[in-house]
Amino acid sequence: MTYNFAGQQDVSEPSAPSAEIVPIHESTMPSLINHTLTYAQNKLADSECDVIVLGGGEEIIDQFPQAGEMVVTRQKIFLLTDTYQITMPDMNGWTRKEVSGFWKASGLPVKIEGYGKVVSQNIPPGTLVNKQTAIEVVLQE
């Protein structure tokens, strides 16, 4: 306990433990289309990004972000390998930008409601989805 100049006790709460500090690294997104999944994963290994593979194929047919765009540590990178065997990811905690990245890479229809981070999705993670699947996510601040 400490006292200030007026002799009053300082009863402030102890500071909360600080969150893990992760250095941010920037890199340029390479062109991965028409390359194998193994090649793409090796190429992105040093990026410290969260690589999400959409589909069950072995060759990249689309990507988000696009080649030449900047990516940063922990950013989600979507690699599309197949449009017929896409497994619904767990979007809990994703931002609107990350959900949009999934939509752009997969081409699947996604309805986004609200702002903030994803708190619910109508399709359970692990479910196979296709262009006829109506995906809806709810975001909250």
N, C-alpha and C. Protein backbone atom coordinates (compact mmCIF):
# COMPACT_ATOMS: atom_id res chain seq x y z
N MET A 1 0.84 -1.17 0.00
CA MET A 1 0.00 0.00 0.00
C MET A 1 0.89 1.24 0.00
N THR A 2 0.52 2.26 -0.78
CA THR A 2 1.30 3.48 -0.83
C THR A 2 0.43 4.66 -0.42
N TYR A 3 1.07 5.72 -0.02
CA TYR A 3 0.36 6.94 0.38
C TYR A 3 0.76 8.06 -0.56
N ASN A 4 -0.21 8.91 -0.89
CA ASN A 4 0.11 10.05 -1.73
C ASN A 4 0.49 11.22 -0.83
N PHE A 5 0.72 12.38 -1.39
CA PHE A 5 1.19 13.52 -0.62
C PHE A 5 0.18 13.99 0.43
N ALA A 6 -1.08 13.72 0.23
CA ALA A 6 -2.10 14.15 1.19
C ALA A 6 -2.28 13.12 2.29
N GLY A 7 -1.52 12.03 2.23
CA GLY A 7 -1.61 11.03 3.27
C GLY A 7 -2.72 10.01 3.04
N GLN A 8 -3.35 10.06 1.88
CA GLN A 8 -4.43 9.12 1.60
C GLN A 8 -3.86 7.83 1.01
N GLN A 9 -4.53 6.75 1.33
CA GLN A 9 -4.09 5.46 0.79
C GLN A 9 -4.45 5.34 -0.69
N ASP A 10 -3.54 4.74 -1.43
CA ASP A 10 -3.81 4.45 -2.83
C ASP A 10 -4.35 3.02 -2.89
N VAL A 11 -5.63 2.90 -3.22
CA VAL A 11 -6.25 1.59 -3.24
C VAL A 11 -6.56 1.14 -4.68
N SER A 12 -5.78 1.61 -5.61
CA SER A 12 -6.01 1.23 -7.01
C SER A 12 -5.75 -0.26 -7.19
N GLU A 13 -6.43 -0.83 -8.15
CA GLU A 13 -6.29 -2.25 -8.45
C GLU A 13 -4.89 -2.53 -9.00
N PRO A 14 -4.35 -3.68 -8.66
CA PRO A 14 -3.06 -4.03 -9.26
C PRO A 14 -3.22 -4.14 -10.77
N SER A 15 -2.18 -3.79 -11.49
CA SER A 15 -2.28 -3.83 -12.94
C SER A 15 -2.43 -5.27 -13.42
N ALA A 16 -3.25 -5.44 -14.46
CA ALA A 16 -3.49 -6.75 -15.04
C ALA A 16 -2.23 -7.21 -15.76
N PRO A 17 -2.02 -8.51 -15.81
CA PRO A 17 -0.85 -8.98 -16.56
C PRO A 17 -0.95 -8.54 -18.01
N SER A 18 0.16 -8.10 -18.56
CA SER A 18 0.13 -7.60 -19.93
C SER A 18 -0.02 -8.75 -20.92
N ALA A 19 -0.65 -8.47 -22.02
CA ALA A 19 -0.82 -9.47 -23.07
C ALA A 19 0.54 -9.75 -23.70
N GLU A 20 0.64 -10.93 -24.29
CA GLU A 20 1.89 -11.30 -24.95
C GLU A 20 2.19 -10.30 -26.06
N ILE A 21 3.40 -9.81 -26.07
CA ILE A 21 3.81 -8.86 -27.10
C ILE A 21 4.45 -9.65 -28.23
N VAL A 22 3.87 -9.52 -29.40
CA VAL A 22 4.36 -10.24 -30.57
C VAL A 22 4.87 -9.22 -31.57
N PRO A 23 6.14 -9.33 -31.96
CA PRO A 23 6.65 -8.39 -32.96
C PRO A 23 5.91 -8.58 -34.28
N ILE A 24 5.63 -7.48 -34.94
CA ILE A 24 4.92 -7.51 -36.22
C ILE A 24 5.94 -7.51 -37.35
N HIS A 25 5.77 -8.47 -38.24
CA HIS A 25 6.63 -8.54 -39.42
C HIS A 25 5.75 -8.36 -40.64
N GLU A 26 6.22 -7.59 -41.59
CA GLU A 26 5.52 -7.41 -42.86
C GLU A 26 6.26 -8.16 -43.95
N SER A 27 5.49 -8.70 -44.88
CA SER A 27 6.09 -9.32 -46.05
C SER A 27 5.12 -9.17 -47.21
N THR A 28 5.63 -9.39 -48.39
CA THR A 28 4.79 -9.28 -49.59
C THR A 28 4.24 -10.67 -49.91
N MET A 29 2.95 -10.72 -50.14
CA MET A 29 2.30 -11.99 -50.47
C MET A 29 2.80 -12.49 -51.82
N PRO A 30 3.33 -13.72 -51.85
CA PRO A 30 3.81 -14.25 -53.13
C PRO A 30 2.65 -14.77 -53.98
N SER A 31 2.90 -14.98 -55.25
CA SER A 31 1.93 -15.59 -56.14
C SER A 31 1.99 -17.10 -55.92
N LEU A 32 0.88 -17.68 -55.47
CA LEU A 32 0.87 -19.11 -55.17
C LEU A 32 -0.05 -19.90 -56.09
N ILE A 33 -0.81 -19.21 -56.93
CA ILE A 33 -1.74 -19.88 -57.83
C ILE A 33 -0.95 -20.77 -58.82
N ASN A 34 -1.47 -21.97 -59.03
CA ASN A 34 -0.88 -23.01 -59.88
C ASN A 34 0.33 -23.69 -59.25
N HIS A 35 0.57 -23.43 -57.97
CA HIS A 35 1.63 -24.13 -57.25
C HIS A 35 1.00 -25.18 -56.34
N THR A 36 1.81 -26.14 -55.91
CA THR A 36 1.30 -27.17 -55.00
C THR A 36 1.08 -26.59 -53.61
N LEU A 37 0.24 -27.26 -52.86
CA LEU A 37 -0.03 -26.85 -51.49
C LEU A 37 1.25 -26.90 -50.65
N THR A 38 2.05 -27.93 -50.85
CA THR A 38 3.32 -28.06 -50.12
C THR A 38 4.24 -26.88 -50.42
N TYR A 39 4.35 -26.52 -51.69
CA TYR A 39 5.17 -25.37 -52.09
C TYR A 39 4.67 -24.11 -51.38
N ALA A 40 3.35 -23.90 -51.40
CA ALA A 40 2.75 -22.69 -50.81
C ALA A 40 3.02 -22.65 -49.31
N GLN A 41 2.83 -23.76 -48.63
CA GLN A 41 3.05 -23.79 -47.18
C GLN A 41 4.51 -23.53 -46.85
N ASN A 42 5.43 -24.07 -47.64
CA ASN A 42 6.86 -23.81 -47.42
C ASN A 42 7.18 -22.33 -47.67
N LYS A 43 6.59 -21.77 -48.72
CA LYS A 43 6.83 -20.37 -49.08
C LYS A 43 6.32 -19.42 -47.98
N LEU A 44 5.24 -19.81 -47.30
CA LEU A 44 4.64 -18.96 -46.27
C LEU A 44 5.13 -19.27 -44.86
N ALA A 45 5.99 -20.26 -44.71
CA ALA A 45 6.43 -20.70 -43.38
C ALA A 45 7.03 -19.58 -42.55
N ASP A 46 7.79 -18.68 -43.15
CA ASP A 46 8.44 -17.61 -42.41
C ASP A 46 7.56 -16.38 -42.20
N SER A 47 6.37 -16.37 -42.78
CA SER A 47 5.50 -15.19 -42.72
C SER A 47 4.84 -15.02 -41.35
N GLU A 48 4.79 -16.10 -40.55
CA GLU A 48 4.13 -16.09 -39.25
C GLU A 48 2.65 -15.74 -39.37
N CYS A 49 2.06 -16.07 -40.52
CA CYS A 49 0.64 -15.84 -40.75
C CYS A 49 -0.14 -17.12 -40.46
N ASP A 50 -1.44 -16.98 -40.33
CA ASP A 50 -2.34 -18.10 -40.10
C ASP A 50 -2.84 -18.57 -41.46
N VAL A 51 -2.28 -19.65 -41.99
CA VAL A 51 -2.63 -20.14 -43.32
C VAL A 51 -3.83 -21.10 -43.19
N ILE A 52 -4.90 -20.78 -43.91
CA ILE A 52 -6.11 -21.59 -43.90
C ILE A 52 -6.32 -22.15 -45.29
N VAL A 53 -6.31 -23.48 -45.39
CA VAL A 53 -6.48 -24.16 -46.67
C VAL A 53 -7.97 -24.47 -46.85
N LEU A 54 -8.52 -24.03 -47.97
CA LEU A 54 -9.91 -24.27 -48.31
C LEU A 54 -9.96 -25.28 -49.43
N GLY A 55 -10.53 -26.44 -49.17
CA GLY A 55 -10.63 -27.48 -50.18
C GLY A 55 -9.71 -28.64 -49.90
N GLY A 56 -9.92 -29.71 -50.65
CA GLY A 56 -9.14 -30.92 -50.45
C GLY A 56 -8.15 -31.20 -51.56
N GLY A 57 -7.89 -30.20 -52.40
CA GLY A 57 -6.98 -30.39 -53.52
C GLY A 57 -5.52 -30.25 -53.13
N GLU A 58 -4.66 -30.43 -54.10
CA GLU A 58 -3.21 -30.34 -53.88
C GLU A 58 -2.57 -29.16 -54.59
N GLU A 59 -3.38 -28.41 -55.38
CA GLU A 59 -2.85 -27.27 -56.12
C GLU A 59 -3.67 -26.03 -55.80
N ILE A 60 -3.00 -24.89 -55.65
CA ILE A 60 -3.67 -23.64 -55.32
C ILE A 60 -4.36 -23.10 -56.57
N ILE A 61 -5.69 -22.84 -56.46
CA ILE A 61 -6.42 -22.28 -57.60
C ILE A 61 -6.83 -20.83 -57.34
N ASP A 62 -6.75 -20.38 -56.08
CA ASP A 62 -6.99 -18.97 -55.76
C ASP A 62 -6.40 -18.69 -54.39
N GLN A 63 -6.19 -17.43 -54.11
CA GLN A 63 -5.60 -17.04 -52.83
C GLN A 63 -6.13 -15.68 -52.41
N PHE A 64 -6.11 -15.46 -51.10
CA PHE A 64 -6.42 -14.14 -50.54
C PHE A 64 -5.55 -13.97 -49.32
N PRO A 65 -4.80 -12.90 -49.23
CA PRO A 65 -4.65 -11.76 -50.14
C PRO A 65 -4.00 -12.17 -51.46
N GLN A 66 -4.15 -11.27 -52.41
CA GLN A 66 -3.60 -11.49 -53.74
C GLN A 66 -2.08 -11.26 -53.73
N ALA A 67 -1.41 -11.77 -54.73
CA ALA A 67 0.03 -11.60 -54.88
C ALA A 67 0.38 -10.11 -54.91
N GLY A 68 1.43 -9.75 -54.21
CA GLY A 68 1.90 -8.37 -54.19
C GLY A 68 1.35 -7.55 -53.03
N GLU A 69 0.29 -8.02 -52.36
CA GLU A 69 -0.25 -7.28 -51.22
C GLU A 69 0.60 -7.56 -49.99
N MET A 70 0.60 -6.61 -49.05
CA MET A 70 1.35 -6.77 -47.81
C MET A 70 0.57 -7.65 -46.84
N VAL A 71 1.29 -8.54 -46.15
CA VAL A 71 0.71 -9.36 -45.09
C VAL A 71 1.54 -9.14 -43.83
N VAL A 72 0.88 -9.28 -42.68
CA VAL A 72 1.56 -9.06 -41.41
C VAL A 72 1.40 -10.28 -40.50
N THR A 73 2.22 -10.35 -39.49
CA THR A 73 2.19 -11.42 -38.50
C THR A 73 0.76 -11.70 -38.04
N ARG A 74 0.40 -12.97 -37.98
CA ARG A 74 -0.90 -13.49 -37.52
C ARG A 74 -2.08 -13.17 -38.44
N GLN A 75 -1.84 -12.57 -39.58
CA GLN A 75 -2.92 -12.33 -40.54
C GLN A 75 -3.37 -13.67 -41.12
N LYS A 76 -4.66 -13.79 -41.40
CA LYS A 76 -5.17 -15.00 -42.03
C LYS A 76 -4.94 -14.95 -43.53
N ILE A 77 -4.38 -16.03 -44.06
CA ILE A 77 -4.15 -16.18 -45.49
C ILE A 77 -4.99 -17.38 -45.93
N PHE A 78 -5.80 -17.19 -46.97
CA PHE A 78 -6.67 -18.25 -47.46
C PHE A 78 -6.13 -18.78 -48.77
N LEU A 79 -5.97 -20.11 -48.84
CA LEU A 79 -5.51 -20.78 -50.05
C LEU A 79 -6.60 -21.73 -50.50
N LEU A 80 -7.17 -21.49 -51.67
CA LEU A 80 -8.23 -22.33 -52.21
C LEU A 80 -7.61 -23.40 -53.10
N THR A 81 -7.93 -24.67 -52.79
CA THR A 81 -7.39 -25.78 -53.57
C THR A 81 -8.47 -26.55 -54.30
N ASP A 82 -9.74 -26.28 -53.97
CA ASP A 82 -10.83 -27.07 -54.52
C ASP A 82 -12.13 -26.35 -54.18
N THR A 83 -13.07 -26.30 -55.10
CA THR A 83 -14.34 -25.63 -54.80
C THR A 83 -15.44 -26.61 -54.42
N TYR A 84 -15.14 -27.91 -54.37
CA TYR A 84 -16.16 -28.92 -54.09
C TYR A 84 -16.06 -29.51 -52.69
N GLN A 85 -14.92 -29.41 -52.04
CA GLN A 85 -14.71 -30.02 -50.74
C GLN A 85 -14.24 -29.00 -49.71
N ILE A 86 -14.93 -27.90 -49.59
CA ILE A 86 -14.54 -26.88 -48.62
C ILE A 86 -15.16 -27.21 -47.28
N THR A 87 -14.32 -27.29 -46.27
CA THR A 87 -14.77 -27.55 -44.91
C THR A 87 -14.97 -26.22 -44.21
N MET A 88 -16.12 -26.05 -43.57
CA MET A 88 -16.42 -24.80 -42.87
C MET A 88 -15.45 -24.63 -41.70
N PRO A 89 -14.71 -23.50 -41.69
CA PRO A 89 -13.80 -23.25 -40.58
C PRO A 89 -14.55 -22.73 -39.35
N ASP A 90 -13.89 -22.77 -38.21
CA ASP A 90 -14.44 -22.16 -37.00
C ASP A 90 -14.10 -20.68 -37.08
N MET A 91 -15.09 -19.84 -37.30
CA MET A 91 -14.88 -18.40 -37.48
C MET A 91 -14.98 -17.63 -36.17
N ASN A 92 -15.20 -18.31 -35.07
CA ASN A 92 -15.33 -17.63 -33.78
C ASN A 92 -14.12 -16.72 -33.53
N GLY A 93 -14.40 -15.43 -33.30
CA GLY A 93 -13.34 -14.46 -33.05
C GLY A 93 -12.78 -13.79 -34.29
N TRP A 94 -13.21 -14.22 -35.48
CA TRP A 94 -12.73 -13.60 -36.71
C TRP A 94 -13.29 -12.19 -36.85
N THR A 95 -12.56 -11.33 -37.52
CA THR A 95 -13.02 -9.98 -37.81
C THR A 95 -13.82 -9.99 -39.12
N ARG A 96 -14.48 -8.88 -39.40
CA ARG A 96 -15.23 -8.73 -40.66
C ARG A 96 -14.28 -8.90 -41.85
N LYS A 97 -13.08 -8.34 -41.74
CA LYS A 97 -12.10 -8.44 -42.83
C LYS A 97 -11.71 -9.90 -43.07
N GLU A 98 -11.56 -10.68 -42.00
CA GLU A 98 -11.18 -12.08 -42.16
C GLU A 98 -12.32 -12.90 -42.78
N VAL A 99 -13.56 -12.61 -42.37
CA VAL A 99 -14.71 -13.29 -42.97
C VAL A 99 -14.80 -12.92 -44.45
N SER A 100 -14.56 -11.66 -44.78
CA SER A 100 -14.57 -11.22 -46.18
C SER A 100 -13.48 -11.92 -46.97
N GLY A 101 -12.32 -12.13 -46.37
CA GLY A 101 -11.24 -12.86 -47.03
C GLY A 101 -11.65 -14.29 -47.35
N PHE A 102 -12.34 -14.94 -46.41
CA PHE A 102 -12.86 -16.29 -46.64
C PHE A 102 -13.82 -16.27 -47.82
N TRP A 103 -14.74 -15.30 -47.82
CA TRP A 103 -15.73 -15.17 -48.89
C TRP A 103 -15.04 -14.96 -50.24
N LYS A 104 -14.06 -14.04 -50.29
CA LYS A 104 -13.38 -13.75 -51.55
C LYS A 104 -12.61 -14.96 -52.08
N ALA A 105 -11.93 -15.67 -51.18
CA ALA A 105 -11.13 -16.82 -51.61
C ALA A 105 -12.00 -18.00 -52.01
N SER A 106 -13.05 -18.26 -51.25
CA SER A 106 -13.86 -19.45 -51.49
C SER A 106 -14.94 -19.24 -52.55
N GLY A 107 -15.41 -18.00 -52.71
CA GLY A 107 -16.51 -17.73 -53.62
C GLY A 107 -17.86 -18.15 -53.06
N LEU A 108 -17.89 -18.56 -51.80
CA LEU A 108 -19.14 -18.99 -51.17
C LEU A 108 -19.92 -17.78 -50.68
N PRO A 109 -21.25 -17.85 -50.75
CA PRO A 109 -22.07 -16.73 -50.27
C PRO A 109 -22.04 -16.66 -48.74
N VAL A 110 -21.70 -15.49 -48.21
CA VAL A 110 -21.64 -15.30 -46.77
C VAL A 110 -22.43 -14.04 -46.40
N LYS A 111 -23.35 -14.19 -45.48
CA LYS A 111 -24.12 -13.05 -44.98
C LYS A 111 -23.51 -12.66 -43.63
N ILE A 112 -23.10 -11.40 -43.52
CA ILE A 112 -22.47 -10.90 -42.30
C ILE A 112 -23.42 -9.92 -41.62
N GLU A 113 -23.67 -10.16 -40.34
CA GLU A 113 -24.54 -9.28 -39.58
C GLU A 113 -23.77 -8.72 -38.39
N GLY A 114 -23.79 -7.40 -38.23
CA GLY A 114 -23.15 -6.76 -37.09
C GLY A 114 -21.72 -6.32 -37.37
N TYR A 115 -21.07 -5.86 -36.29
CA TYR A 115 -19.70 -5.36 -36.35
C TYR A 115 -18.93 -5.91 -35.17
N GLY A 116 -17.62 -5.97 -35.32
CA GLY A 116 -16.77 -6.47 -34.25
C GLY A 116 -16.16 -7.79 -34.67
N LYS A 117 -16.34 -8.82 -33.82
CA LYS A 117 -15.80 -10.15 -34.10
C LYS A 117 -16.92 -11.18 -34.12
N VAL A 118 -16.68 -12.27 -34.83
CA VAL A 118 -17.69 -13.31 -34.97
C VAL A 118 -17.98 -13.94 -33.60
N VAL A 119 -19.28 -13.98 -33.27
CA VAL A 119 -19.72 -14.64 -32.03
C VAL A 119 -20.56 -15.88 -32.34
N SER A 120 -21.08 -15.98 -33.57
CA SER A 120 -21.81 -17.19 -33.94
C SER A 120 -21.82 -17.36 -35.46
N GLN A 121 -21.99 -18.61 -35.86
CA GLN A 121 -22.11 -18.95 -37.28
C GLN A 121 -23.15 -20.05 -37.38
N ASN A 122 -23.92 -20.04 -38.47
CA ASN A 122 -25.02 -21.00 -38.59
C ASN A 122 -24.58 -22.37 -39.08
N ILE A 123 -23.41 -22.47 -39.68
CA ILE A 123 -22.90 -23.76 -40.16
C ILE A 123 -21.79 -24.21 -39.20
N PRO A 124 -21.95 -25.37 -38.58
CA PRO A 124 -20.93 -25.83 -37.63
C PRO A 124 -19.57 -26.04 -38.29
N PRO A 125 -18.49 -25.72 -37.58
CA PRO A 125 -17.15 -25.99 -38.11
C PRO A 125 -17.00 -27.47 -38.45
N GLY A 126 -16.31 -27.74 -39.55
CA GLY A 126 -16.08 -29.11 -39.97
C GLY A 126 -17.09 -29.63 -40.97
N THR A 127 -18.17 -28.87 -41.21
CA THR A 127 -19.20 -29.24 -42.17
C THR A 127 -18.74 -28.93 -43.59
N LEU A 128 -18.97 -29.84 -44.53
CA LEU A 128 -18.66 -29.55 -45.93
C LEU A 128 -19.68 -28.56 -46.47
N VAL A 129 -19.19 -27.51 -47.14
CA VAL A 129 -20.06 -26.47 -47.68
C VAL A 129 -19.81 -26.31 -49.17
N ASN A 130 -20.81 -25.74 -49.87
CA ASN A 130 -20.66 -25.48 -51.30
C ASN A 130 -21.40 -24.19 -51.64
N LYS A 131 -21.49 -23.87 -52.91
CA LYS A 131 -22.08 -22.60 -53.33
C LYS A 131 -23.57 -22.48 -53.02
N GLN A 132 -24.23 -23.60 -52.72
CA GLN A 132 -25.64 -23.56 -52.35
C GLN A 132 -25.84 -23.39 -50.84
N THR A 133 -24.76 -23.46 -50.07
CA THR A 133 -24.85 -23.34 -48.62
C THR A 133 -25.02 -21.87 -48.26
N ALA A 134 -26.02 -21.57 -47.45
CA ALA A 134 -26.26 -20.19 -46.99
C ALA A 134 -25.52 -20.00 -45.66
N ILE A 135 -24.34 -19.38 -45.76
CA ILE A 135 -23.52 -19.17 -44.56
C ILE A 135 -23.88 -17.82 -43.96
N GLU A 136 -24.17 -17.82 -42.65
CA GLU A 136 -24.49 -16.57 -41.95
C GLU A 136 -23.63 -16.50 -40.70
N VAL A 137 -23.01 -15.34 -40.49
CA VAL A 137 -22.23 -15.12 -39.28
C VAL A 137 -22.70 -13.85 -38.60
N VAL A 138 -22.63 -13.84 -37.28
CA VAL A 138 -23.04 -12.69 -36.48
C VAL A 138 -21.78 -12.17 -35.77
N LEU A 139 -21.56 -10.86 -35.90
CA LEU A 139 -20.44 -10.20 -35.25
C LEU A 139 -20.96 -9.30 -34.14
N GLN A 140 -20.19 -9.17 -33.07
CA GLN A 140 -20.50 -8.24 -31.99
C GLN A 140 -19.22 -7.61 -31.50
N GLU A 141 -19.36 -6.40 -30.97
CA GLU A 141 -18.19 -5.69 -30.43
C GLU A 141 -17.89 -6.18 -29.04
